[in-house]
């Protein structure tokens, strides 16, 4: 049976309909999912839930809706602005998609923005106040993005992303957050920052061709490689340091989760030739933000 199925899937497209059905499902739909930044949204929600559990906070569905909408709108408008700047056909599927469906995406974003504003009215005032600060930074980011001289986009996105996933858990925390627990914020920031830099490092040629500024283009490949290595090393050292300093089970598990995420990025960066084909690096790079699911499962099993 296995041999028969393998034989059918390996047959040329002309001789069977199986490959016609399976290929769009296997490749096109996931590419669409990724082009719409839905994997980024899912990762942000999972990470925020894990952080909430770590700080012993229940992150409500209303907060998660606001986080999802804000993440999707920021990433979508970022891609739209990049796509609009490209006068010819973009070199990446993501930007080609945003070029083709820009009007539809703008309408969807506008509808979601209204839903987000209505939903935000039901949130605690502390979250609304800090959320408005995050919105202000996001608007400043898009304003600076209009300048051709602006190149530090990965740094700003990392700040906004980290800000967003920590707002709910920190604002709702009823307990005093210990100094060693505060270290999670810079650790996550360095993780997100290095993730974005690695993406730009992989996309160096395409970004240069399409005229997209990035920190990697500004630095140059060699200098960027050294800086990415330094950031990854700093993150890993900080995780091992916290592991040695703490006796708290939840903190130890969270640090192990972060080490798995950092380790995945290091593998991606060091073995780049294995992950360039079919944009596999993006699948893995965005996929690491699903790893905090293990913390949620462990915390539930151990009742942390």
C-alpha atoms as a PDB file:
ATOM      1  CA  UNK A   1       0.000   0.000   0.000  1.00  0.00           C
ATOM      2  CA  UNK A   2       2.806   2.392   0.913  1.00  0.00           C
ATOM      3  CA  UNK A   3       4.674   1.529  -2.283  1.00  0.00           C
ATOM      4  CA  UNK A   4       1.519   2.143  -4.342  1.00  0.00           C
ATOM      5  CA  UNK A   5       0.894   5.560  -2.749  1.00  0.00           C
ATOM      6  CA  UNK A   6       4.526   6.554  -3.171  1.00  0.00           C
ATOM      7  CA  UNK A   7       4.381   5.502  -6.832  1.00  0.00           C
ATOM      8  CA  UNK A   8       1.232   7.583  -7.464  1.00  0.00           C
ATOM      9  CA  UNK A   9       2.666  10.703  -5.799  1.00  0.00           C
ATOM     10  CA  UNK A  10       5.881  10.354  -7.774  1.00  0.00           C
ATOM     11  CA  UNK A  11       4.102  10.127 -11.146  1.00  0.00           C
ATOM     12  CA  UNK A  12       4.224  13.106 -13.532  1.00  0.00           C
ATOM     13  CA  UNK A  13       1.461  15.687 -13.269  1.00  0.00           C
ATOM     14  CA  UNK A  14      -0.062  14.703 -16.629  1.00  0.00           C
ATOM     15  CA  UNK A  15      -0.741  11.097 -15.631  1.00  0.00           C
ATOM     16  CA  UNK A  16      -2.675  11.586 -12.392  1.00  0.00           C
ATOM     17  CA  UNK A  17      -4.932  14.013 -10.632  1.00  0.00           C
ATOM     18  CA  UNK A  18      -3.497  13.226  -7.197  1.00  0.00           C
ATOM     19  CA  UNK A  19      -0.552  15.558  -7.568  1.00  0.00           C
ATOM     20  CA  UNK A  20      -2.856  18.299  -8.872  1.00  0.00           C
ATOM     21  CA  UNK A  21      -4.846  18.118  -5.647  1.00  0.00           C
ATOM     22  CA  UNK A  22      -1.978  17.626  -3.233  1.00  0.00           C
ATOM     23  CA  UNK A  23       0.422  20.233  -4.589  1.00  0.00           C
ATOM     24  CA  UNK A  24      -1.771  23.312  -4.004  1.00  0.00           C
ATOM     25  CA  UNK A  25      -2.705  21.981  -0.567  1.00  0.00           C
ATOM     26  CA  UNK A  26       0.857  21.274   0.389  1.00  0.00           C
ATOM     27  CA  UNK A  27       2.547  24.382  -0.980  1.00  0.00           C
ATOM     28  CA  UNK A  28       0.135  27.062  -2.120  1.00  0.00           C
ATOM     29  CA  UNK A  29      -2.087  27.164   0.945  1.00  0.00           C
ATOM     30  CA  UNK A  30       0.794  27.318   3.395  1.00  0.00           C
ATOM     31  CA  UNK A  31       2.445  30.015   1.297  1.00  0.00           C
ATOM     32  CA  UNK A  32      -0.820  31.940   1.448  1.00  0.00           C
ATOM     33  CA  UNK A  33      -1.005  31.422   5.225  1.00  0.00           C
ATOM     34  CA  UNK A  34       2.531  32.765   5.520  1.00  0.00           C
ATOM     35  CA  UNK A  35       2.036  35.633   3.062  1.00  0.00           C
ATOM     36  CA  UNK A  36      -0.906  36.815   5.187  1.00  0.00           C
ATOM     37  CA  UNK A  37       1.354  36.724   8.295  1.00  0.00           C
ATOM     38  CA  UNK A  38      -1.100  34.391  10.039  1.00  0.00           C
ATOM     39  CA  UNK A  39       1.780  32.269  11.326  1.00  0.00           C
ATOM     40  CA  UNK A  40       3.254  35.399  12.945  1.00  0.00           C
ATOM     41  CA  UNK A  41      -0.111  36.191  14.550  1.00  0.00           C
ATOM     42  CA  UNK A  42      -0.462  32.638  15.881  1.00  0.00           C
ATOM     43  CA  UNK A  43       3.082  32.722  17.254  1.00  0.00           C
ATOM     44  CA  UNK A  44       2.472  36.051  19.023  1.00  0.00           C
ATOM     45  CA  UNK A  45      -0.702  34.704  20.673  1.00  0.00           C
ATOM     46  CA  UNK A  46       1.026  31.497  21.824  1.00  0.00           C
ATOM     47  CA  UNK A  47       4.034  33.402  23.167  1.00  0.00           C
ATOM     48  CA  UNK A  48       1.829  35.897  25.026  1.00  0.00           C
ATOM     49  CA  UNK A  49      -0.178  33.053  26.600  1.00  0.00           C
ATOM     50  CA  UNK A  50       3.055  31.368  27.708  1.00  0.00           C
ATOM     51  CA  UNK A  51       4.347  34.624  29.220  1.00  0.00           C
ATOM     52  CA  UNK A  52       1.006  35.082  30.976  1.00  0.00           C
ATOM     53  CA  UNK A  53       1.241  31.592  32.453  1.00  0.00           C
ATOM     54  CA  UNK A  54       4.828  32.301  33.524  1.00  0.00           C
ATOM     55  CA  UNK A  55       3.702  35.460  35.362  1.00  0.00           C
ATOM     56  CA  UNK A  56       0.667  33.517  36.697  1.00  0.00           C
ATOM     57  CA  UNK A  57      -1.796  35.674  34.795  1.00  0.00           C
ATOM     58  CA  UNK A  58      -4.890  34.709  32.809  1.00  0.00           C
ATOM     59  CA  UNK A  59      -4.687  36.499  29.451  1.00  0.00           C
ATOM     60  CA  UNK A  60      -8.296  37.051  28.347  1.00  0.00           C
ATOM     61  CA  UNK A  61      -9.599  36.394  24.849  1.00  0.00           C
ATOM     62  CA  UNK A  62     -10.244  40.125  24.394  1.00  0.00           C
ATOM     63  CA  UNK A  63      -6.553  40.885  24.918  1.00  0.00           C
ATOM     64  CA  UNK A  64      -5.624  38.118  22.488  1.00  0.00           C
ATOM     65  CA  UNK A  65      -8.023  39.538  19.866  1.00  0.00           C
ATOM     66  CA  UNK A  66      -6.424  42.983  20.181  1.00  0.00           C
ATOM     67  CA  UNK A  67      -2.951  41.435  19.982  1.00  0.00           C
ATOM     68  CA  UNK A  68      -3.906  39.383  16.907  1.00  0.00           C
ATOM     69  CA  UNK A  69      -5.457  42.331  15.075  1.00  0.00           C
ATOM     70  CA  UNK A  70      -2.605  44.709  15.933  1.00  0.00           C
ATOM     71  CA  UNK A  71       0.040  42.162  14.870  1.00  0.00           C
ATOM     72  CA  UNK A  72      -1.724  41.393  11.598  1.00  0.00           C
ATOM     73  CA  UNK A  73      -2.312  45.058  10.686  1.00  0.00           C
ATOM     74  CA  UNK A  74       1.293  46.073  11.464  1.00  0.00           C
ATOM     75  CA  UNK A  75       2.821  43.226   9.472  1.00  0.00           C
ATOM     76  CA  UNK A  76       0.345  43.599   6.595  1.00  0.00           C
ATOM     77  CA  UNK A  77       0.877  47.353   6.234  1.00  0.00           C
ATOM     78  CA  UNK A  78       4.624  46.830   6.456  1.00  0.00           C
ATOM     79  CA  UNK A  79       4.434  44.383   3.535  1.00  0.00           C
ATOM     80  CA  UNK A  80       2.007  46.632   1.639  1.00  0.00           C
ATOM     81  CA  UNK A  81       4.309  49.631   1.897  1.00  0.00           C
ATOM     82  CA  UNK A  82       7.227  47.526   0.690  1.00  0.00           C
ATOM     83  CA  UNK A  83       5.149  46.142  -2.187  1.00  0.00           C
ATOM     84  CA  UNK A  84       3.903  49.580  -3.262  1.00  0.00           C
ATOM     85  CA  UNK A  85       7.480  50.889  -3.474  1.00  0.00           C
ATOM     86  CA  UNK A  86       8.358  48.173  -5.980  1.00  0.00           C
ATOM     87  CA  UNK A  87       7.479  49.487  -9.449  1.00  0.00           C
ATOM     88  CA  UNK A  88       7.962  46.167 -11.212  1.00  0.00           C
ATOM     89  CA  UNK A  89       6.927  42.647 -10.197  1.00  0.00           C
ATOM     90  CA  UNK A  90       8.331  41.837  -6.742  1.00  0.00           C
ATOM     91  CA  UNK A  91      10.931  39.086  -6.399  1.00  0.00           C
ATOM     92  CA  UNK A  92       9.238  37.394  -3.413  1.00  0.00           C
ATOM     93  CA  UNK A  93       5.863  35.637  -3.264  1.00  0.00           C
ATOM     94  CA  UNK A  94       4.870  37.632  -0.161  1.00  0.00           C
ATOM     95  CA  UNK A  95       5.302  40.984  -1.876  1.00  0.00           C
ATOM     96  CA  UNK A  96       3.770  39.722  -5.129  1.00  0.00           C
ATOM     97  CA  UNK A  97       0.689  38.741  -3.142  1.00  0.00           C
ATOM     98  CA  UNK A  98       0.463  42.169  -1.503  1.00  0.00           C
ATOM     99  CA  UNK A  99       0.918  43.886  -4.869  1.00  0.00           C
ATOM    100  CA  UNK A 100      -1.958  41.904  -6.358  1.00  0.00           C
ATOM    101  CA  UNK A 101      -4.438  42.134  -3.481  1.00  0.00           C
ATOM    102  CA  UNK A 102      -3.512  45.477  -1.906  1.00  0.00           C
ATOM    103  CA  UNK A 103      -7.047  46.949  -2.143  1.00  0.00           C
ATOM    104  CA  UNK A 104      -8.644  43.877  -0.568  1.00  0.00           C
ATOM    105  CA  UNK A 105      -6.051  43.787   2.207  1.00  0.00           C
ATOM    106  CA  UNK A 106      -6.567  47.484   2.992  1.00  0.00           C
ATOM    107  CA  UNK A 107     -10.348  46.958   3.271  1.00  0.00           C
ATOM    108  CA  UNK A 108      -9.855  43.931   5.563  1.00  0.00           C
ATOM    109  CA  UNK A 109      -7.370  45.873   7.686  1.00  0.00           C
ATOM    110  CA  UNK A 110      -9.839  48.772   8.021  1.00  0.00           C
ATOM    111  CA  UNK A 111     -12.635  46.412   9.136  1.00  0.00           C
ATOM    112  CA  UNK A 112     -10.341  44.688  11.632  1.00  0.00           C
ATOM    113  CA  UNK A 113      -9.198  48.071  12.938  1.00  0.00           C
ATOM    114  CA  UNK A 114     -12.814  48.976  13.775  1.00  0.00           C
ATOM    115  CA  UNK A 115     -13.321  45.592  15.460  1.00  0.00           C
ATOM    116  CA  UNK A 116     -10.099  46.111  17.428  1.00  0.00           C
ATOM    117  CA  UNK A 117     -11.110  49.594  18.607  1.00  0.00           C
ATOM    118  CA  UNK A 118     -14.526  48.331  19.763  1.00  0.00           C
ATOM    119  CA  UNK A 119     -12.940  45.369  21.517  1.00  0.00           C
ATOM    120  CA  UNK A 120     -10.306  47.582  23.150  1.00  0.00           C
ATOM    121  CA  UNK A 121     -13.037  49.578  24.921  1.00  0.00           C
ATOM    122  CA  UNK A 122     -13.701  46.531  27.122  1.00  0.00           C
ATOM    123  CA  UNK A 123     -10.094  46.189  28.288  1.00  0.00           C
ATOM    124  CA  UNK A 124      -8.707  47.486  31.624  1.00  0.00           C
ATOM    125  CA  UNK A 125      -7.570  51.120  31.452  1.00  0.00           C
ATOM    126  CA  UNK A 126      -3.951  50.229  32.246  1.00  0.00           C
ATOM    127  CA  UNK A 127      -3.774  48.018  29.164  1.00  0.00           C
ATOM    128  CA  UNK A 128      -5.493  50.676  27.035  1.00  0.00           C
ATOM    129  CA  UNK A 129      -3.039  53.374  28.192  1.00  0.00           C
ATOM    130  CA  UNK A 130       0.038  51.247  27.477  1.00  0.00           C
ATOM    131  CA  UNK A 131      -1.553  49.943  24.281  1.00  0.00           C
ATOM    132  CA  UNK A 132      -1.866  53.523  23.042  1.00  0.00           C
ATOM    133  CA  UNK A 133       1.865  53.993  23.620  1.00  0.00           C
ATOM    134  CA  UNK A 134       2.495  50.901  21.498  1.00  0.00           C
ATOM    135  CA  UNK A 135       0.196  52.297  18.787  1.00  0.00           C
ATOM    136  CA  UNK A 136       2.132  55.588  18.889  1.00  0.00           C
ATOM    137  CA  UNK A 137       5.452  53.754  18.366  1.00  0.00           C
ATOM    138  CA  UNK A 138       3.879  51.793  15.506  1.00  0.00           C
ATOM    139  CA  UNK A 139       2.730  55.001  13.799  1.00  0.00           C
ATOM    140  CA  UNK A 140       6.197  56.500  14.279  1.00  0.00           C
ATOM    141  CA  UNK A 141       7.676  53.376  12.693  1.00  0.00           C
ATOM    142  CA  UNK A 142       5.461  53.709   9.599  1.00  0.00           C
ATOM    143  CA  UNK A 143       6.272  57.431   9.415  1.00  0.00           C
ATOM    144  CA  UNK A 144      10.019  56.730   9.466  1.00  0.00           C
ATOM    145  CA  UNK A 145       9.529  53.919   6.943  1.00  0.00           C
ATOM    146  CA  UNK A 146       8.598  56.552   4.333  1.00  0.00           C
ATOM    147  CA  UNK A 147      12.132  57.931   4.466  1.00  0.00           C
ATOM    148  CA  UNK A 148      14.601  56.235   2.171  1.00  0.00           C
ATOM    149  CA  UNK A 149      17.341  56.782   4.754  1.00  0.00           C
ATOM    150  CA  UNK A 150      15.506  54.669   7.372  1.00  0.00           C
ATOM    151  CA  UNK A 151      17.215  51.287   7.699  1.00  0.00           C
ATOM    152  CA  UNK A 152      16.707  50.141  11.329  1.00  0.00           C
ATOM    153  CA  UNK A 153      13.310  48.503  10.688  1.00  0.00           C
ATOM    154  CA  UNK A 154      14.231  45.151  12.299  1.00  0.00           C
ATOM    155  CA  UNK A 155      15.128  46.909  15.560  1.00  0.00           C
ATOM    156  CA  UNK A 156      11.831  48.817  15.716  1.00  0.00           C
ATOM    157  CA  UNK A 157       9.688  45.818  14.785  1.00  0.00           C
ATOM    158  CA  UNK A 158      11.414  43.777  17.505  1.00  0.00           C
ATOM    159  CA  UNK A 159      10.575  46.483  20.074  1.00  0.00           C
ATOM    160  CA  UNK A 160       6.929  46.712  18.976  1.00  0.00           C
ATOM    161  CA  UNK A 161       6.499  42.908  18.875  1.00  0.00           C
ATOM    162  CA  UNK A 162       8.067  42.432  22.319  1.00  0.00           C
ATOM    163  CA  UNK A 163       6.018  45.334  23.695  1.00  0.00           C
ATOM    164  CA  UNK A 164       2.815  43.788  22.335  1.00  0.00           C
ATOM    165  CA  UNK A 165       3.177  40.274  23.729  1.00  0.00           C
ATOM    166  CA  UNK A 166       4.175  41.541  27.195  1.00  0.00           C
ATOM    167  CA  UNK A 167       1.473  44.226  27.659  1.00  0.00           C
ATOM    168  CA  UNK A 168      -1.308  41.902  28.829  1.00  0.00           C
ATOM    169  CA  UNK A 169       0.704  39.631  31.165  1.00  0.00           C
ATOM    170  CA  UNK A 170       2.563  42.467  32.906  1.00  0.00           C
ATOM    171  CA  UNK A 171      -0.426  44.806  33.291  1.00  0.00           C
ATOM    172  CA  UNK A 172      -2.617  42.033  34.718  1.00  0.00           C
ATOM    173  CA  UNK A 173      -0.017  40.615  37.089  1.00  0.00           C
ATOM    174  CA  UNK A 174      -1.210  40.819  40.692  1.00  0.00           C
ATOM    175  CA  UNK A 175       2.081  39.591  42.116  1.00  0.00           C
ATOM    176  CA  UNK A 176       5.435  41.320  42.367  1.00  0.00           C
ATOM    177  CA  UNK A 177       7.520  40.354  39.368  1.00  0.00           C
ATOM    178  CA  UNK A 178      10.958  39.274  40.532  1.00  0.00           C
ATOM    179  CA  UNK A 179      14.092  40.872  38.999  1.00  0.00           C
ATOM    180  CA  UNK A 180      15.087  37.560  37.419  1.00  0.00           C
ATOM    181  CA  UNK A 181      11.634  37.376  35.812  1.00  0.00           C
ATOM    182  CA  UNK A 182      12.063  40.854  34.292  1.00  0.00           C
ATOM    183  CA  UNK A 183      15.075  39.489  32.390  1.00  0.00           C
ATOM    184  CA  UNK A 184      12.617  37.622  30.167  1.00  0.00           C
ATOM    185  CA  UNK A 185      11.817  40.895  28.365  1.00  0.00           C
ATOM    186  CA  UNK A 186      15.327  41.640  27.010  1.00  0.00           C
ATOM    187  CA  UNK A 187      15.792  37.925  26.305  1.00  0.00           C
ATOM    188  CA  UNK A 188      12.677  37.832  24.134  1.00  0.00           C
ATOM    189  CA  UNK A 189      13.632  41.107  22.464  1.00  0.00           C
ATOM    190  CA  UNK A 190      17.056  39.723  21.488  1.00  0.00           C
ATOM    191  CA  UNK A 191      15.362  36.556  20.210  1.00  0.00           C
ATOM    192  CA  UNK A 192      12.921  38.497  18.012  1.00  0.00           C
ATOM    193  CA  UNK A 193      15.619  40.924  16.872  1.00  0.00           C
ATOM    194  CA  UNK A 194      18.007  38.148  15.841  1.00  0.00           C
ATOM    195  CA  UNK A 195      15.130  36.340  14.089  1.00  0.00           C
ATOM    196  CA  UNK A 196      14.343  39.411  11.973  1.00  0.00           C
ATOM    197  CA  UNK A 197      18.024  40.039  11.207  1.00  0.00           C
ATOM    198  CA  UNK A 198      18.464  36.442  10.057  1.00  0.00           C
ATOM    199  CA  UNK A 199      15.466  36.837   7.730  1.00  0.00           C
ATOM    200  CA  UNK A 200      17.019  39.999   6.278  1.00  0.00           C
ATOM    201  CA  UNK A 201      20.335  38.184   5.974  1.00  0.00           C
ATOM    202  CA  UNK A 202      18.669  35.418   3.935  1.00  0.00           C
ATOM    203  CA  UNK A 203      16.785  38.037   1.859  1.00  0.00           C
ATOM    204  CA  UNK A 204      19.851  40.221   1.264  1.00  0.00           C
ATOM    205  CA  UNK A 205      19.908  39.814  -2.552  1.00  0.00           C
ATOM    206  CA  UNK A 206      16.123  40.070  -2.974  1.00  0.00           C
ATOM    207  CA  UNK A 207      15.865  43.148  -0.734  1.00  0.00           C
ATOM    208  CA  UNK A 208      18.686  44.813  -2.630  1.00  0.00           C
ATOM    209  CA  UNK A 209      17.004  44.006  -5.948  1.00  0.00           C
ATOM    210  CA  UNK A 210      13.618  45.373  -4.795  1.00  0.00           C
ATOM    211  CA  UNK A 211      15.142  48.401  -3.056  1.00  0.00           C
ATOM    212  CA  UNK A 212      14.067  47.468   0.479  1.00  0.00           C
ATOM    213  CA  UNK A 213      16.286  48.970   3.186  1.00  0.00           C
ATOM    214  CA  UNK A 214      17.416  46.736   6.056  1.00  0.00           C
ATOM    215  CA  UNK A 215      20.030  46.702   8.769  1.00  0.00           C
ATOM    216  CA  UNK A 216      21.856  43.882   6.979  1.00  0.00           C
ATOM    217  CA  UNK A 217      22.102  45.929   3.750  1.00  0.00           C
ATOM    218  CA  UNK A 218      23.227  48.956   5.754  1.00  0.00           C
ATOM    219  CA  UNK A 219      25.940  46.972   7.556  1.00  0.00           C
ATOM    220  CA  UNK A 220      26.949  44.656   4.740  1.00  0.00           C
ATOM    221  CA  UNK A 221      26.921  40.845   4.880  1.00  0.00           C
ATOM    222  CA  UNK A 222      30.177  40.296   6.799  1.00  0.00           C
ATOM    223  CA  UNK A 223      29.490  42.882   9.478  1.00  0.00           C
ATOM    224  CA  UNK A 224      25.875  41.676   9.789  1.00  0.00           C
ATOM    225  CA  UNK A 225      27.053  38.092  10.347  1.00  0.00           C
ATOM    226  CA  UNK A 226      29.250  39.219  13.244  1.00  0.00           C
ATOM    227  CA  UNK A 227      26.447  41.248  14.818  1.00  0.00           C
ATOM    228  CA  UNK A 228      23.905  38.417  14.471  1.00  0.00           C
ATOM    229  CA  UNK A 229      26.409  36.014  16.055  1.00  0.00           C
ATOM    230  CA  UNK A 230      26.954  38.449  18.938  1.00  0.00           C
ATOM    231  CA  UNK A 231      23.205  38.886  19.566  1.00  0.00           C
ATOM    232  CA  UNK A 232      22.563  35.130  19.478  1.00  0.00           C
ATOM    233  CA  UNK A 233      25.514  34.490  21.804  1.00  0.00           C
ATOM    234  CA  UNK A 234      24.306  37.159  24.242  1.00  0.00           C
ATOM    235  CA  UNK A 235      20.850  35.596  24.315  1.00  0.00           C
ATOM    236  CA  UNK A 236      22.162  32.081  24.912  1.00  0.00           C
ATOM    237  CA  UNK A 237      24.583  33.216  27.647  1.00  0.00           C
ATOM    238  CA  UNK A 238      21.763  35.086  29.414  1.00  0.00           C
ATOM    239  CA  UNK A 239      19.575  31.942  29.369  1.00  0.00           C
ATOM    240  CA  UNK A 240      22.331  29.758  30.836  1.00  0.00           C
ATOM    241  CA  UNK A 241      23.084  32.442  33.465  1.00  0.00           C
ATOM    242  CA  UNK A 242      19.452  32.547  34.613  1.00  0.00           C
ATOM    243  CA  UNK A 243      19.357  28.730  34.708  1.00  0.00           C
ATOM    244  CA  UNK A 244      22.366  28.729  37.039  1.00  0.00           C
ATOM    245  CA  UNK A 245      20.975  31.500  39.265  1.00  0.00           C
ATOM    246  CA  UNK A 246      17.396  30.291  39.740  1.00  0.00           C
ATOM    247  CA  UNK A 247      15.801  27.446  41.676  1.00  0.00           C
ATOM    248  CA  UNK A 248      12.312  28.288  40.422  1.00  0.00           C
ATOM    249  CA  UNK A 249      10.874  25.507  38.257  1.00  0.00           C
ATOM    250  CA  UNK A 250       8.805  27.778  36.001  1.00  0.00           C
ATOM    251  CA  UNK A 251      11.786  30.060  35.325  1.00  0.00           C
ATOM    252  CA  UNK A 252      14.037  27.083  34.554  1.00  0.00           C
ATOM    253  CA  UNK A 253      11.526  25.622  32.089  1.00  0.00           C
ATOM    254  CA  UNK A 254      11.019  29.001  30.410  1.00  0.00           C
ATOM    255  CA  UNK A 255      14.784  29.368  29.964  1.00  0.00           C
ATOM    256  CA  UNK A 256      14.989  25.900  28.407  1.00  0.00           C
ATOM    257  CA  UNK A 257      12.195  26.903  26.002  1.00  0.00           C
ATOM    258  CA  UNK A 258      14.147  30.039  25.066  1.00  0.00           C
ATOM    259  CA  UNK A 259      17.305  27.970  24.555  1.00  0.00           C
ATOM    260  CA  UNK A 260      15.392  25.709  22.147  1.00  0.00           C
ATOM    261  CA  UNK A 261      14.262  28.799  20.235  1.00  0.00           C
ATOM    262  CA  UNK A 262      17.747  30.320  20.174  1.00  0.00           C
ATOM    263  CA  UNK A 263      19.209  26.933  19.188  1.00  0.00           C
ATOM    264  CA  UNK A 264      16.821  26.710  16.231  1.00  0.00           C
ATOM    265  CA  UNK A 265      17.928  30.155  15.024  1.00  0.00           C
ATOM    266  CA  UNK A 266      21.600  29.244  15.404  1.00  0.00           C
ATOM    267  CA  UNK A 267      21.048  26.090  13.331  1.00  0.00           C
ATOM    268  CA  UNK A 268      19.191  28.166  10.735  1.00  0.00           C
ATOM    269  CA  UNK A 269      22.012  30.701  10.610  1.00  0.00           C
ATOM    270  CA  UNK A 270      24.944  28.279  10.579  1.00  0.00           C
ATOM    271  CA  UNK A 271      23.446  25.756   8.147  1.00  0.00           C
ATOM    272  CA  UNK A 272      21.825  28.293   5.849  1.00  0.00           C
ATOM    273  CA  UNK A 273      22.458  26.208   2.701  1.00  0.00           C
ATOM    274  CA  UNK A 274      19.966  23.629   4.000  1.00  0.00           C
ATOM    275  CA  UNK A 275      17.132  26.113   4.453  1.00  0.00           C
ATOM    276  CA  UNK A 276      17.244  28.463   1.465  1.00  0.00           C
ATOM    277  CA  UNK A 277      15.174  26.329  -0.915  1.00  0.00           C
ATOM    278  CA  UNK A 278      11.414  27.085  -1.002  1.00  0.00           C
ATOM    279  CA  UNK A 279      11.881  29.720   1.741  1.00  0.00           C
ATOM    280  CA  UNK A 280      12.233  26.954   4.336  1.00  0.00           C
ATOM    281  CA  UNK A 281      14.081  29.413   6.580  1.00  0.00           C
ATOM    282  CA  UNK A 282      10.873  31.444   6.963  1.00  0.00           C
ATOM    283  CA  UNK A 283       8.838  28.390   7.902  1.00  0.00           C
ATOM    284  CA  UNK A 284      11.349  27.455  10.609  1.00  0.00           C
ATOM    285  CA  UNK A 285      12.082  31.034  11.675  1.00  0.00           C
ATOM    286  CA  UNK A 286       8.405  31.839  12.221  1.00  0.00           C
ATOM    287  CA  UNK A 287       7.755  28.319  13.520  1.00  0.00           C
ATOM    288  CA  UNK A 288      10.029  28.740  16.551  1.00  0.00           C
ATOM    289  CA  UNK A 289       7.371  30.979  18.115  1.00  0.00           C
ATOM    290  CA  UNK A 290       5.172  27.897  18.431  1.00  0.00           C
ATOM    291  CA  UNK A 291       7.744  26.282  20.757  1.00  0.00           C
ATOM    292  CA  UNK A 292       6.312  28.084  23.878  1.00  0.00           C
ATOM    293  CA  UNK A 293       3.366  25.690  23.486  1.00  0.00           C
ATOM    294  CA  UNK A 294       5.574  23.192  25.329  1.00  0.00           C
ATOM    295  CA  UNK A 295       5.781  25.583  28.281  1.00  0.00           C
ATOM    296  CA  UNK A 296       1.970  25.851  28.366  1.00  0.00           C
ATOM    297  CA  UNK A 297       1.615  22.059  28.283  1.00  0.00           C
ATOM    298  CA  UNK A 298       4.295  21.546  30.934  1.00  0.00           C
ATOM    299  CA  UNK A 299       2.821  24.256  33.186  1.00  0.00           C
ATOM    300  CA  UNK A 300      -0.628  22.707  32.907  1.00  0.00           C
ATOM    301  CA  UNK A 301       0.676  19.197  33.638  1.00  0.00           C
ATOM    302  CA  UNK A 302       2.769  20.360  36.606  1.00  0.00           C
ATOM    303  CA  UNK A 303       0.188  22.958  37.714  1.00  0.00           C
ATOM    304  CA  UNK A 304       2.783  25.740  37.795  1.00  0.00           C
END
